[in-house]
C-alpha atoms as a PDB file:
ATOM      1  CA  SER A   1     139.523 169.870 148.074  1.00  0.00           C
ATOM      2  CA  HIS A   2     143.267 171.002 148.055  1.00  0.00           C
ATOM      3  CA  LEU A   3     143.752 167.482 145.864  1.00  0.00           C
ATOM      4  CA  ALA A   4     141.299 168.548 143.476  1.00  0.00           C
ATOM      5  CA  ILE A   5     142.982 172.047 142.948  1.00  0.00           C
ATOM      6  CA  VAL A   6     146.298 170.470 142.568  1.00  0.00           C
ATOM      7  CA  ASP A   7     145.095 168.036 139.724  1.00  0.00           C
ATOM      8  CA  MET A   8     143.198 171.010 138.117  1.00  0.00           C
ATOM      9  CA  ALA A   9     146.257 172.932 138.446  1.00  0.00           C
ATOM     10  CA  TYR A  10     148.466 170.062 137.155  1.00  0.00           C
ATOM     11  CA  ALA A  11     146.072 169.821 133.841  1.00  0.00           C
ATOM     12  CA  CYS A  12     145.669 173.241 133.520  1.00  0.00           C
ATOM     13  CA  ASN A  13     149.647 173.933 133.328  1.00  0.00           C
ATOM     14  CA  THR A  14     150.443 171.320 130.755  1.00  0.00           C
ATOM     15  CA  VAL A  15     147.701 170.178 128.872  1.00  0.00           C
ATOM     16  CA  PRO A  16     147.197 173.539 126.924  1.00  0.00           C
ATOM     17  CA  GLN A  17     150.704 173.812 125.709  1.00  0.00           C
ATOM     18  CA  THR A  18     150.965 169.819 125.099  1.00  0.00           C
ATOM     19  CA  LEU A  19     147.833 170.249 122.699  1.00  0.00           C
ATOM     20  CA  ILE A  20     149.665 173.687 121.541  1.00  0.00           C
ATOM     21  CA  ASN A  21     152.649 171.218 120.579  1.00  0.00           C
ATOM     22  CA  LEU A  22     150.610 168.766 118.895  1.00  0.00           C
ATOM     23  CA  LEU A  23     148.742 171.081 116.554  1.00  0.00           C
ATOM     24  CA  ASP A  24     151.853 173.971 115.545  1.00  0.00           C
ATOM     25  CA  GLU A  25     155.018 171.986 116.640  1.00  0.00           C
ATOM     26  CA  THR A  26     156.536 175.516 115.108  1.00  0.00           C
ATOM     27  CA  ARG A  27     155.090 177.240 117.582  1.00  0.00           C
ATOM     28  CA  PRO A  28     157.872 178.313 120.339  1.00  0.00           C
ATOM     29  CA  ILE A  29     157.465 178.618 123.977  1.00  0.00           C
ATOM     30  CA  THR A  30     159.539 181.430 125.410  1.00  0.00           C
ATOM     31  CA  PHE A  31     162.177 181.124 128.041  1.00  0.00           C
ATOM     32  CA  ALA A  32     160.279 182.980 130.974  1.00  0.00           C
ATOM     33  CA  GLY A  33     157.159 180.837 129.905  1.00  0.00           C
ATOM     34  CA  CYS A  34     159.336 177.640 129.803  1.00  0.00           C
ATOM     35  CA  MET A  35     160.733 178.466 133.215  1.00  0.00           C
ATOM     36  CA  THR A  36     156.823 178.960 134.794  1.00  0.00           C
ATOM     37  CA  GLN A  37     155.869 176.107 133.484  1.00  0.00           C
ATOM     38  CA  THR A  38     158.472 173.887 134.695  1.00  0.00           C
ATOM     39  CA  TYR A  39     158.048 175.813 138.377  1.00  0.00           C
ATOM     40  CA  LEU A  40     154.404 175.238 138.709  1.00  0.00           C
ATOM     41  CA  PHE A  41     155.097 171.359 137.243  1.00  0.00           C
ATOM     42  CA  LEU A  42     157.032 170.694 140.170  1.00  0.00           C
ATOM     43  CA  THR A  43     155.262 172.878 142.554  1.00  0.00           C
ATOM     44  CA  PHE A  44     151.918 170.744 141.949  1.00  0.00           C
ATOM     45  CA  ALA A  45     153.622 167.566 141.416  1.00  0.00           C
ATOM     46  CA  ILE A  46     155.227 167.277 144.952  1.00  0.00           C
ATOM     47  CA  THR A  47     151.997 168.734 146.652  1.00  0.00           C
ATOM     48  CA  GLU A  48     150.462 166.092 145.248  1.00  0.00           C
ATOM     49  CA  CYS A  49     152.633 163.523 147.027  1.00  0.00           C
ATOM     50  CA  LEU A  50     152.497 164.809 150.291  1.00  0.00           C
ATOM     51  CA  LEU A  51     148.979 165.548 149.743  1.00  0.00           C
ATOM     52  CA  LEU A  52     148.715 161.489 149.380  1.00  0.00           C
ATOM     53  CA  VAL A  53     150.897 161.105 152.259  1.00  0.00           C
ATOM     54  CA  VAL A  54     148.339 162.945 154.498  1.00  0.00           C
ATOM     55  CA  MET A  55     145.270 161.289 152.854  1.00  0.00           C
ATOM     56  CA  SER A  56     146.689 157.985 153.796  1.00  0.00           C
ATOM     57  CA  TYR A  57     147.148 159.035 157.419  1.00  0.00           C
ATOM     58  CA  ASP A  58     143.837 160.280 157.552  1.00  0.00           C
ATOM     59  CA  ARG A  59     142.515 156.809 156.336  1.00  0.00           C
ATOM     60  CA  TYR A  60     144.532 154.986 159.018  1.00  0.00           C
ATOM     61  CA  VAL A  61     143.211 157.184 161.826  1.00  0.00           C
ATOM     62  CA  ALA A  62     139.544 156.646 160.489  1.00  0.00           C
ATOM     63  CA  ILE A  63     139.831 152.814 160.421  1.00  0.00           C
ATOM     64  CA  CYS A  64     142.569 152.297 163.032  1.00  0.00           C
ATOM     65  CA  HIS A  65     141.375 154.693 165.405  1.00  0.00           C
ATOM     66  CA  PRO A  66     137.358 155.637 164.799  1.00  0.00           C
ATOM     67  CA  LEU A  67     136.551 156.742 167.940  1.00  0.00           C
ATOM     68  CA  HIS A  68     139.442 159.219 168.253  1.00  0.00           C
ATOM     69  CA  TYR A  69     139.377 160.299 164.781  1.00  0.00           C
ATOM     70  CA  THR A  70     137.772 164.147 165.205  1.00  0.00           C
ATOM     71  CA  VAL A  71     140.159 164.813 168.057  1.00  0.00           C
ATOM     72  CA  ILE A  72     143.097 163.359 166.147  1.00  0.00           C
ATOM     73  CA  MET A  73     142.184 165.008 162.570  1.00  0.00           C
ATOM     74  CA  ASN A  74     140.469 168.144 163.839  1.00  0.00           C
ATOM     75  CA  TRP A  75     140.208 171.614 161.321  1.00  0.00           C
ATOM     76  CA  ARG A  76     143.553 172.904 163.126  1.00  0.00           C
ATOM     77  CA  VAL A  77     145.857 169.589 162.229  1.00  0.00           C
ATOM     78  CA  CYS A  78     144.236 169.515 158.368  1.00  0.00           C
ATOM     79  CA  THR A  79     144.873 173.476 157.937  1.00  0.00           C
ATOM     80  CA  ILE A  80     148.892 172.901 159.241  1.00  0.00           C
ATOM     81  CA  MET A  81     149.166 169.586 156.938  1.00  0.00           C
ATOM     82  CA  ALA A  82     147.778 171.428 154.214  1.00  0.00           C
ATOM     83  CA  ALA A  83     149.918 174.342 154.549  1.00  0.00           C
ATOM     84  CA  VAL A  84     152.675 172.613 154.937  1.00  0.00           C
ATOM     85  CA  SER A  85     152.072 170.517 151.903  1.00  0.00           C
ATOM     86  CA  TRP A  86     151.882 173.599 149.683  1.00  0.00           C
ATOM     87  CA  ILE A  87     155.021 175.451 151.796  1.00  0.00           C
ATOM     88  CA  VAL A  88     157.236 172.547 151.163  1.00  0.00           C
ATOM     89  CA  SER A  89     156.763 172.344 147.709  1.00  0.00           C
ATOM     90  CA  PHE A  90     157.084 175.925 146.835  1.00  0.00           C
ATOM     91  CA  LEU A  91     160.065 175.901 148.703  1.00  0.00           C
ATOM     92  CA  LEU A  92     161.467 172.620 147.032  1.00  0.00           C
ATOM     93  CA  SER A  93     160.588 173.744 143.535  1.00  0.00           C
ATOM     94  CA  LEU A  94     162.420 177.169 143.957  1.00  0.00           C
ATOM     95  CA  VAL A  95     165.378 175.442 144.788  1.00  0.00           C
ATOM     96  CA  HIS A  96     165.125 173.487 141.257  1.00  0.00           C
ATOM     97  CA  LEU A  97     164.447 176.429 139.501  1.00  0.00           C
ATOM     98  CA  LEU A  98     167.534 178.307 140.825  1.00  0.00           C
ATOM     99  CA  LEU A  99     169.780 175.413 139.841  1.00  0.00           C
ATOM    100  CA  ILE A 100     168.365 175.735 136.184  1.00  0.00           C
ATOM    101  CA  LEU A 101     168.718 179.360 136.259  1.00  0.00           C
ATOM    102  CA  ARG A 102     172.235 179.652 136.838  1.00  0.00           C
ATOM    103  CA  LEU A 103     172.600 177.033 133.368  1.00  0.00           C
ATOM    104  CA  PRO A 104     173.852 178.399 130.198  1.00  0.00           C
ATOM    105  CA  PHE A 105     171.812 177.225 127.027  1.00  0.00           C
ATOM    106  CA  CYS A 106     173.354 177.321 124.036  1.00  0.00           C
ATOM    107  CA  GLY A 107     171.048 175.830 121.595  1.00  0.00           C
ATOM    108  CA  PRO A 108     169.411 173.416 119.706  1.00  0.00           C
ATOM    109  CA  HIS A 109     166.738 174.934 121.993  1.00  0.00           C
ATOM    110  CA  GLU A 110     164.055 171.857 121.187  1.00  0.00           C
ATOM    111  CA  ILE A 111     162.669 170.009 124.271  1.00  0.00           C
ATOM    112  CA  ASN A 112     162.206 166.561 123.119  1.00  0.00           C
ATOM    113  CA  HIS A 113     158.943 166.470 125.506  1.00  0.00           C
ATOM    114  CA  PHE A 114     155.318 167.411 125.636  1.00  0.00           C
ATOM    115  CA  PHE A 115     156.214 170.513 127.948  1.00  0.00           C
ATOM    116  CA  CYS A 116     159.223 171.808 129.927  1.00  0.00           C
ATOM    117  CA  GLU A 117     159.691 168.877 132.004  1.00  0.00           C
ATOM    118  CA  ILE A 118     162.617 169.497 134.071  1.00  0.00           C
ATOM    119  CA  LEU A 119     165.095 166.606 132.695  1.00  0.00           C
ATOM    120  CA  SER A 120     164.550 167.340 129.225  1.00  0.00           C
ATOM    121  CA  VAL A 121     165.070 171.323 129.809  1.00  0.00           C
ATOM    122  CA  LEU A 122     168.675 170.125 131.345  1.00  0.00           C
ATOM    123  CA  LYS A 123     169.485 167.969 128.386  1.00  0.00           C
ATOM    124  CA  LEU A 124     169.463 171.445 126.734  1.00  0.00           C
ATOM    125  CA  ALA A 125     172.316 172.815 129.125  1.00  0.00           C
ATOM    126  CA  CYS A 126     175.671 173.268 127.431  1.00  0.00           C
ATOM    127  CA  ALA A 127     177.450 173.132 131.333  1.00  0.00           C
ATOM    128  CA  ASP A 128     177.831 170.203 134.168  1.00  0.00           C
ATOM    129  CA  THR A 129     174.208 169.386 135.650  1.00  0.00           C
ATOM    130  CA  THR A 130     175.772 166.991 138.175  1.00  0.00           C
ATOM    131  CA  LEU A 131     174.782 169.388 140.943  1.00  0.00           C
ATOM    132  CA  ASN A 132     171.108 169.582 139.284  1.00  0.00           C
ATOM    133  CA  GLN A 133     170.856 165.974 139.127  1.00  0.00           C
ATOM    134  CA  VAL A 134     172.134 165.203 142.681  1.00  0.00           C
ATOM    135  CA  VAL A 135     169.480 167.931 144.364  1.00  0.00           C
ATOM    136  CA  ILE A 136     166.755 166.275 142.056  1.00  0.00           C
ATOM    137  CA  PHE A 137     167.744 162.738 143.178  1.00  0.00           C
ATOM    138  CA  ALA A 138     167.514 163.821 146.749  1.00  0.00           C
ATOM    139  CA  ALA A 139     164.219 165.645 146.441  1.00  0.00           C
ATOM    140  CA  CYS A 140     162.880 162.337 145.023  1.00  0.00           C
ATOM    141  CA  VAL A 141     164.455 160.476 147.933  1.00  0.00           C
ATOM    142  CA  PHE A 142     162.301 163.064 150.311  1.00  0.00           C
ATOM    143  CA  THR A 143     159.021 163.056 148.472  1.00  0.00           C
ATOM    144  CA  LEU A 144     158.976 159.957 146.838  1.00  0.00           C
ATOM    145  CA  VAL A 145     160.414 157.018 148.462  1.00  0.00           C
ATOM    146  CA  GLY A 146     160.199 158.713 152.281  1.00  0.00           C
ATOM    147  CA  PRO A 147     156.419 159.293 151.526  1.00  0.00           C
ATOM    148  CA  LEU A 148     155.684 155.979 149.481  1.00  0.00           C
ATOM    149  CA  CYS A 149     157.498 154.136 152.657  1.00  0.00           C
ATOM    150  CA  PHE A 150     154.928 155.865 154.765  1.00  0.00           C
ATOM    151  CA  VAL A 151     151.934 155.102 153.057  1.00  0.00           C
ATOM    152  CA  LEU A 152     152.881 151.818 152.810  1.00  0.00           C
ATOM    153  CA  VAL A 153     153.432 151.577 155.998  1.00  0.00           C
ATOM    154  CA  SER A 154     149.990 152.999 156.956  1.00  0.00           C
ATOM    155  CA  TYR A 155     148.177 150.627 154.684  1.00  0.00           C
ATOM    156  CA  THR A 156     149.617 147.871 156.098  1.00  0.00           C
ATOM    157  CA  ARG A 157     148.294 148.810 159.622  1.00  0.00           C
ATOM    158  CA  ILE A 158     145.258 149.793 157.804  1.00  0.00           C
ATOM    159  CA  LEU A 159     144.844 145.918 155.931  1.00  0.00           C
ATOM    160  CA  VAL A 160     145.131 144.550 159.647  1.00  0.00           C
ATOM    161  CA  ALA A 161     142.725 146.275 160.927  1.00  0.00           C
ATOM    162  CA  ILE A 162     140.395 145.765 158.204  1.00  0.00           C
ATOM    163  CA  LEU A 163     141.019 141.910 158.463  1.00  0.00           C
ATOM    164  CA  ARG A 164     140.228 141.929 162.302  1.00  0.00           C
ATOM    165  CA  ILE A 165     136.440 143.481 161.256  1.00  0.00           C
ATOM    166  CA  GLN A 166     133.678 141.137 161.926  1.00  0.00           C
ATOM    167  CA  SER A 167     131.007 142.460 159.931  1.00  0.00           C
ATOM    168  CA  GLY A 168     131.450 141.801 156.096  1.00  0.00           C
ATOM    169  CA  GLU A 169     129.122 145.160 155.465  1.00  0.00           C
ATOM    170  CA  ARG A 170     131.861 147.209 157.460  1.00  0.00           C
ATOM    171  CA  ARG A 171     134.993 145.281 156.220  1.00  0.00           C
ATOM    172  CA  ARG A 172     133.569 146.219 152.550  1.00  0.00           C
ATOM    173  CA  LYS A 173     132.863 149.949 153.262  1.00  0.00           C
ATOM    174  CA  ALA A 174     136.630 149.659 154.597  1.00  0.00           C
ATOM    175  CA  PHE A 175     138.145 148.415 151.708  1.00  0.00           C
ATOM    176  CA  SER A 176     136.044 150.591 149.189  1.00  0.00           C
ATOM    177  CA  THR A 177     137.466 154.080 151.449  1.00  0.00           C
ATOM    178  CA  CYS A 178     141.140 152.875 150.452  1.00  0.00           C
ATOM    179  CA  SER A 179     141.416 151.182 147.218  1.00  0.00           C
ATOM    180  CA  SER A 180     140.736 153.788 144.877  1.00  0.00           C
ATOM    181  CA  HIS A 181     143.046 155.970 147.218  1.00  0.00           C
ATOM    182  CA  LEU A 182     145.871 153.019 146.979  1.00  0.00           C
ATOM    183  CA  CYS A 183     145.399 152.470 143.062  1.00  0.00           C
ATOM    184  CA  VAL A 184     146.197 156.095 142.452  1.00  0.00           C
ATOM    185  CA  VAL A 185     148.933 155.873 144.972  1.00  0.00           C
ATOM    186  CA  GLY A 186     150.287 152.933 143.119  1.00  0.00           C
ATOM    187  CA  LEU A 187     150.453 154.568 139.944  1.00  0.00           C
ATOM    188  CA  PHE A 188     151.543 158.108 140.668  1.00  0.00           C
ATOM    189  CA  PHE A 189     154.532 157.007 142.889  1.00  0.00           C
ATOM    190  CA  GLY A 190     155.293 154.156 140.788  1.00  0.00           C
ATOM    191  CA  SER A 191     155.723 155.706 137.856  1.00  0.00           C
ATOM    192  CA  ALA A 192     157.460 158.845 139.309  1.00  0.00           C
ATOM    193  CA  ILE A 193     159.973 156.687 140.396  1.00  0.00           C
ATOM    194  CA  VAL A 194     160.824 154.971 137.405  1.00  0.00           C
ATOM    195  CA  MET A 195     161.036 158.143 135.660  1.00  0.00           C
ATOM    196  CA  TYR A 196     163.024 159.968 138.456  1.00  0.00           C
ATOM    197  CA  MET A 197     165.101 157.476 140.066  1.00  0.00           C
ATOM    198  CA  ALA A 198     165.598 154.536 137.607  1.00  0.00           C
ATOM    199  CA  PRO A 199     168.221 153.893 135.127  1.00  0.00           C
ATOM    200  CA  LYS A 200     167.453 155.379 131.963  1.00  0.00           C
ATOM    201  CA  SER A 201     166.352 152.619 129.176  1.00  0.00           C
ATOM    202  CA  GLN A 202     167.429 152.995 125.513  1.00  0.00           C
ATOM    203  CA  HIS A 203     164.720 155.285 124.964  1.00  0.00           C
ATOM    204  CA  PRO A 204     164.630 157.541 127.750  1.00  0.00           C
ATOM    205  CA  GLY A 205     162.773 160.103 125.644  1.00  0.00           C
ATOM    206  CA  GLU A 206     160.038 158.341 124.621  1.00  0.00           C
ATOM    207  CA  GLN A 207     159.891 156.359 128.045  1.00  0.00           C
ATOM    208  CA  GLN A 208     159.780 159.585 129.668  1.00  0.00           C
ATOM    209  CA  LYS A 209     156.923 161.087 127.310  1.00  0.00           C
ATOM    210  CA  ILE A 210     154.578 157.878 128.123  1.00  0.00           C
ATOM    211  CA  LEU A 211     155.333 158.117 132.006  1.00  0.00           C
ATOM    212  CA  PHE A 212     154.415 161.839 131.638  1.00  0.00           C
ATOM    213  CA  LEU A 213     151.006 160.732 130.305  1.00  0.00           C
ATOM    214  CA  PHE A 214     150.259 158.679 133.562  1.00  0.00           C
ATOM    215  CA  TYR A 215     151.063 161.168 136.261  1.00  0.00           C
ATOM    216  CA  SER A 216     149.864 164.169 134.392  1.00  0.00           C
ATOM    217  CA  PHE A 217     146.973 162.975 132.639  1.00  0.00           C
ATOM    218  CA  PHE A 218     145.501 159.461 133.908  1.00  0.00           C
ATOM    219  CA  ASN A 219     146.163 160.168 137.718  1.00  0.00           C
ATOM    220  CA  PRO A 220     144.255 163.576 138.058  1.00  0.00           C
ATOM    221  CA  MET A 221     141.569 161.974 135.836  1.00  0.00           C
ATOM    222  CA  LEU A 222     141.217 159.176 138.104  1.00  0.00           C
ATOM    223  CA  ASN A 223     141.477 161.495 141.105  1.00  0.00           C
END
């Protein structure tokens, strides 16, 4: 349910403005609106990363420790995991926002993107953005690389457990439970890591727009 809320909010935050930009390129967005959009986008993106990690742990417990599932993943644990995911994302996004607000923007005030994406906004700043870039990289290690490693470890354990299942029907059920989640995880984390951590290509602006479509439109639709 939290993942569904995040994906709907994700789409509502970016899709309307994207459609407006495509229909009327001359219609501007206010600076306050742009900063709000950036903050919400970061918040929902980080929340999704953390929720996907929580879900992979849930799959791990369900398949590797089925008899203890209701004890380990009780309502209190689920509530704490969901709350921590939201709180961390709100605070980390606030750090990024405050670092952006300290920068001067001298113009041109035209963002080469579908919406106010953080890297595209930083390109318009007429000051040194090294601190912003360092914080973005550190945040990516915390919210992308770390969680992805945890997910891979969880699914390695899950795969070993599934291969030990004797019943073909139970094995198929276990695979169907995890395959869709793993597919979405791979697309989301893969595109986000390329976007924010890989060296920029010769056409970074166009590359960012294509990757944006993957993790902002395609993944929520799959979820």
